[in-house]
Amino acid sequence: MSIDQKQRQRIVASQRDAWRRFGFHPNALFWSNREIQETRFRILLEAGMQSGDSLLDVGCGFGDFSAWLEGQGIAVLYTGIDLSPELLAEGRRHYPALNLVEGDLFEFDPEPGSYDWVTLSGALNRDHDDDGEYARATIRRMYETCRKGIAFNLLDARHEWTRGRWDLQSFHPAAIAELASELSSNFKVRDSYLSNDFTVLIWKQGTENV
């Protein structure tokens, strides 16, 4: 299930505009500041990534998650994918060693179990016209692709301002927890770190979480 082409064009155009205004900065990724961006990274890390693990970062932007992990002393084998050619080009300038690929998860088409971890931070926050079906399909494909687990964040529909934004997509944590339970009995929902965001950590069935 690849992304709708009209939606893709809107996302790419929006990212291009933000990048032209802000350059190499979290604002170009629609984060209000670096602290907010890194707060989300910190919760993703609770999945248990370790040095030497392979990681696929869906909607990677510049590839900042890899640099942040290195700052925590964790050197993963990182691959990032994103729809925006401008963000990827900027990322390659700042992180020339990273493997950054243009496309969405379905175009990239990884083999099942081909990465230890698959992560996503903020990439499903933009408005979609499909009632969240693309987001759910993406989460399922992330789980198929991992060997150890996945970690992703979404906007929280219980937050009034977030829920009321026409240009944002939000979800009820309980509904995403139900989806997670269909994939694995070993999962966790974290919703206490920011008022309008929640993170889901899902470990591969049969894998011990940390």
Protein backbone atom coordinates (compact mmCIF):
# COMPACT_ATOMS: atom_id res chain seq x y z
CA MET A 1 0.00 0.00 0.00
CA SER A 2 2.07 2.93 -1.23
CA ILE A 3 1.17 6.46 -0.24
CA ASP A 4 -1.47 8.30 -2.26
CA GLN A 5 0.32 10.39 -4.89
CA LYS A 6 -1.60 13.59 -4.16
CA GLN A 7 -0.81 13.22 -0.48
CA ARG A 8 2.82 12.52 -1.34
CA GLN A 9 3.03 15.69 -3.42
CA ARG A 10 1.53 17.73 -0.57
CA ILE A 11 4.00 16.31 1.94
CA VAL A 12 7.02 16.83 -0.32
CA ALA A 13 5.97 20.40 -1.15
CA SER A 14 5.35 21.19 2.52
CA GLN A 15 8.74 19.76 3.53
CA ARG A 16 10.47 21.69 0.73
CA ASP A 17 8.92 24.93 1.95
CA ALA A 18 9.91 24.24 5.57
CA TRP A 19 13.46 23.33 4.55
CA ARG A 20 13.82 26.51 2.50
CA ARG A 21 12.70 28.58 5.49
CA PHE A 22 14.63 26.82 8.25
CA GLY A 23 17.47 24.84 6.66
CA PHE A 24 19.17 22.21 8.80
CA HIS A 25 17.00 22.66 11.89
CA PRO A 26 14.26 20.67 13.66
CA ASN A 27 11.74 23.33 12.53
CA ALA A 28 12.25 22.09 8.97
CA LEU A 29 10.91 18.73 10.20
CA PHE A 30 7.93 20.40 11.92
CA TRP A 31 9.38 19.93 15.41
CA SER A 32 8.96 23.04 17.55
CA ASN A 33 12.49 22.72 18.92
CA ARG A 34 15.34 20.24 19.31
CA GLU A 35 14.33 19.37 22.88
CA ILE A 36 10.95 18.12 21.68
CA GLN A 37 12.59 16.14 18.87
CA GLU A 38 15.06 14.52 21.25
CA THR A 39 12.40 13.79 23.87
CA ARG A 40 10.73 11.58 21.27
CA PHE A 41 14.07 9.98 20.42
CA ARG A 42 14.63 9.16 24.09
CA ILE A 43 11.32 7.29 24.30
CA LEU A 44 12.02 5.40 21.06
CA LEU A 45 15.31 4.22 22.59
CA GLU A 46 13.34 2.45 25.33
CA ALA A 47 12.79 -0.29 22.76
CA GLY A 48 16.36 -1.38 23.46
CA MET A 49 18.56 -0.59 20.46
CA GLN A 50 22.22 -1.48 21.02
CA SER A 51 25.46 -0.88 19.18
CA GLY A 52 25.79 -3.18 16.20
CA ASP A 53 22.04 -3.53 15.68
CA SER A 54 20.63 -2.70 12.26
CA LEU A 55 17.95 -0.01 12.20
CA LEU A 56 15.57 1.21 9.51
CA ASP A 57 14.24 4.71 10.23
CA VAL A 58 11.02 5.43 8.32
CA GLY A 59 10.49 9.12 7.50
CA CYS A 60 14.02 9.85 8.66
CA GLY A 61 14.24 13.52 7.68
CA PHE A 62 17.90 14.46 7.94
CA GLY A 63 18.86 11.23 9.74
CA ASP A 64 19.10 12.99 13.11
CA PHE A 65 18.10 9.88 15.07
CA SER A 66 21.31 8.15 14.05
CA ALA A 67 23.41 11.12 15.22
CA TRP A 68 21.46 11.28 18.48
CA LEU A 69 22.01 7.57 19.11
CA GLU A 70 25.74 8.01 18.52
CA GLY A 71 25.65 10.78 21.11
CA GLN A 72 24.27 8.20 23.55
CA GLY A 73 27.17 5.87 22.72
CA ILE A 74 25.04 3.61 20.49
CA ALA A 75 26.38 3.00 16.98
CA VAL A 76 23.72 1.25 14.92
CA LEU A 77 23.83 0.15 11.29
CA TYR A 78 21.47 2.85 10.10
CA THR A 79 19.30 3.14 7.00
CA GLY A 80 16.91 6.06 6.63
CA ILE A 81 14.09 6.49 4.13
CA ASP A 82 12.12 9.64 3.44
CA LEU A 83 9.89 11.13 0.75
CA SER A 84 11.71 14.47 0.65
CA PRO A 85 14.73 14.73 -1.68
CA GLU A 86 15.66 18.08 -0.09
CA LEU A 87 15.79 16.69 3.45
CA LEU A 88 17.81 13.69 2.31
CA ALA A 89 20.29 15.86 0.41
CA GLU A 90 20.72 18.06 3.48
CA GLY A 91 21.15 14.97 5.63
CA ARG A 92 23.86 13.61 3.34
CA ARG A 93 25.76 16.89 3.65
CA HIS A 94 25.76 16.68 7.45
CA TYR A 95 25.94 12.90 7.85
CA PRO A 96 27.82 11.66 4.76
CA ALA A 97 28.30 8.15 6.15
CA LEU A 98 24.56 7.46 6.45
CA ASN A 99 22.59 5.34 4.00
CA LEU A 100 19.64 7.61 3.12
CA VAL A 101 17.10 6.49 0.52
CA GLU A 102 14.21 8.36 -1.12
CA GLY A 103 10.77 6.74 -0.94
CA ASP A 104 8.22 5.34 1.47
CA LEU A 105 8.35 1.99 3.24
CA PHE A 106 6.36 0.19 0.57
CA GLU A 107 8.52 1.46 -2.29
CA PHE A 108 11.65 0.55 -0.35
CA ASP A 109 10.10 -2.91 0.04
CA PRO A 110 12.43 -4.49 2.61
CA GLU A 111 12.48 -8.23 3.08
CA PRO A 112 10.67 -9.61 6.14
CA GLY A 113 12.98 -9.68 9.16
CA SER A 114 15.68 -7.72 7.37
CA TYR A 115 16.39 -5.19 10.17
CA ASP A 116 16.71 -5.63 13.91
CA TRP A 117 14.67 -2.50 14.56
CA VAL A 118 12.31 -0.29 12.58
CA THR A 119 11.50 3.17 13.92
CA LEU A 120 9.33 6.12 12.91
CA SER A 121 9.19 9.54 14.54
CA GLY A 122 6.68 12.12 13.35
CA ALA A 123 6.37 10.78 9.83
CA LEU A 124 2.67 9.93 10.18
CA ASN A 125 1.65 13.26 11.71
CA ARG A 126 0.69 14.98 8.47
CA ASP A 127 -2.90 14.86 7.27
CA HIS A 128 -3.99 11.80 5.30
CA ASP A 129 -7.28 11.31 3.49
CA ASP A 130 -7.72 7.62 4.26
CA ASP A 131 -8.93 7.46 7.89
CA GLY A 132 -5.51 6.34 9.06
CA GLU A 133 -5.37 3.21 6.91
CA TYR A 134 -1.97 4.09 5.44
CA ALA A 135 -0.60 4.62 8.94
CA ARG A 136 -1.91 1.24 10.10
CA ALA A 137 -0.53 -0.48 7.00
CA THR A 138 2.84 1.17 7.65
CA ILE A 139 2.91 -0.08 11.25
CA ARG A 140 2.10 -3.61 10.13
CA ARG A 141 4.83 -3.51 7.48
CA MET A 142 7.31 -2.15 10.02
CA TYR A 143 6.57 -5.13 12.25
CA GLU A 144 7.03 -7.58 9.37
CA THR A 145 10.38 -5.98 8.58
CA CYS A 146 11.89 -6.17 12.07
CA ARG A 147 13.70 -8.99 13.84
CA LYS A 148 13.60 -7.52 17.35
CA GLY A 149 10.97 -4.80 17.44
CA ILE A 150 9.56 -1.50 16.30
CA ALA A 151 9.08 1.90 17.93
CA PHE A 152 6.98 4.76 16.62
CA ASN A 153 5.16 7.86 17.80
CA LEU A 154 1.84 9.38 16.79
CA LEU A 155 -0.14 12.45 17.72
CA ASP A 156 -2.69 11.89 20.51
CA ALA A 157 -6.32 12.50 19.48
CA ARG A 158 -7.27 13.03 23.12
CA HIS A 159 -5.47 16.38 22.96
CA GLU A 160 -8.04 18.99 21.92
CA TRP A 161 -5.73 21.29 19.93
CA THR A 162 -4.13 18.39 18.07
CA ARG A 163 -7.46 16.74 17.33
CA GLY A 164 -8.82 19.99 15.92
CA ARG A 165 -6.01 20.62 13.44
CA TRP A 166 -7.14 19.95 9.86
CA ASP A 167 -3.55 19.49 8.68
CA LEU A 168 -2.55 16.90 11.28
CA GLN A 169 -3.42 13.25 11.75
CA SER A 170 -3.95 11.96 15.28
CA PHE A 171 -4.97 8.66 16.84
CA HIS A 172 -6.45 7.33 20.06
CA PRO A 173 -3.78 5.35 21.94
CA ALA A 174 -6.29 2.61 22.78
CA ALA A 175 -7.00 2.00 19.09
CA ILE A 176 -3.29 1.72 18.27
CA ALA A 177 -2.78 -0.52 21.30
CA GLU A 178 -5.43 -2.82 19.85
CA LEU A 179 -3.48 -2.95 16.59
CA ALA A 180 -0.27 -3.64 18.52
CA SER A 181 -1.94 -6.52 20.36
CA GLU A 182 -2.80 -8.10 17.00
CA LEU A 183 0.90 -8.11 16.11
CA SER A 184 2.43 -9.17 19.43
CA SER A 185 1.53 -9.75 23.06
CA ASN A 186 4.74 -7.93 23.99
CA PHE A 187 4.15 -4.19 23.60
CA LYS A 188 4.01 -0.97 25.59
CA VAL A 189 2.28 2.39 25.10
CA ARG A 190 4.04 5.46 26.53
CA ASP A 191 1.88 8.58 26.76
CA SER A 192 3.20 10.55 29.73
CA TYR A 193 6.17 12.43 28.25
CA LEU A 194 4.31 15.07 26.16
CA SER A 195 0.69 16.20 26.26
CA ASN A 196 -0.10 15.62 22.58
CA ASP A 197 2.02 12.62 21.63
CA PHE A 198 2.33 8.93 22.42
CA THR A 199 4.83 6.22 21.55
CA VAL A 200 4.24 2.53 20.95
CA LEU A 201 7.00 -0.04 21.45
CA ILE A 202 6.33 -3.48 20.04
CA TRP A 203 8.76 -6.34 20.45
CA LYS A 204 8.77 -9.30 18.14
CA GLN A 205 6.67 -12.16 19.44
CA GLY A 206 8.95 -14.39 21.46
CA THR A 207 11.59 -11.68 22.00
CA GLU A 208 12.29 -10.41 25.52
CA ASN A 209 12.00 -6.63 25.86
CA VAL A 210 14.50 -4.69 27.92
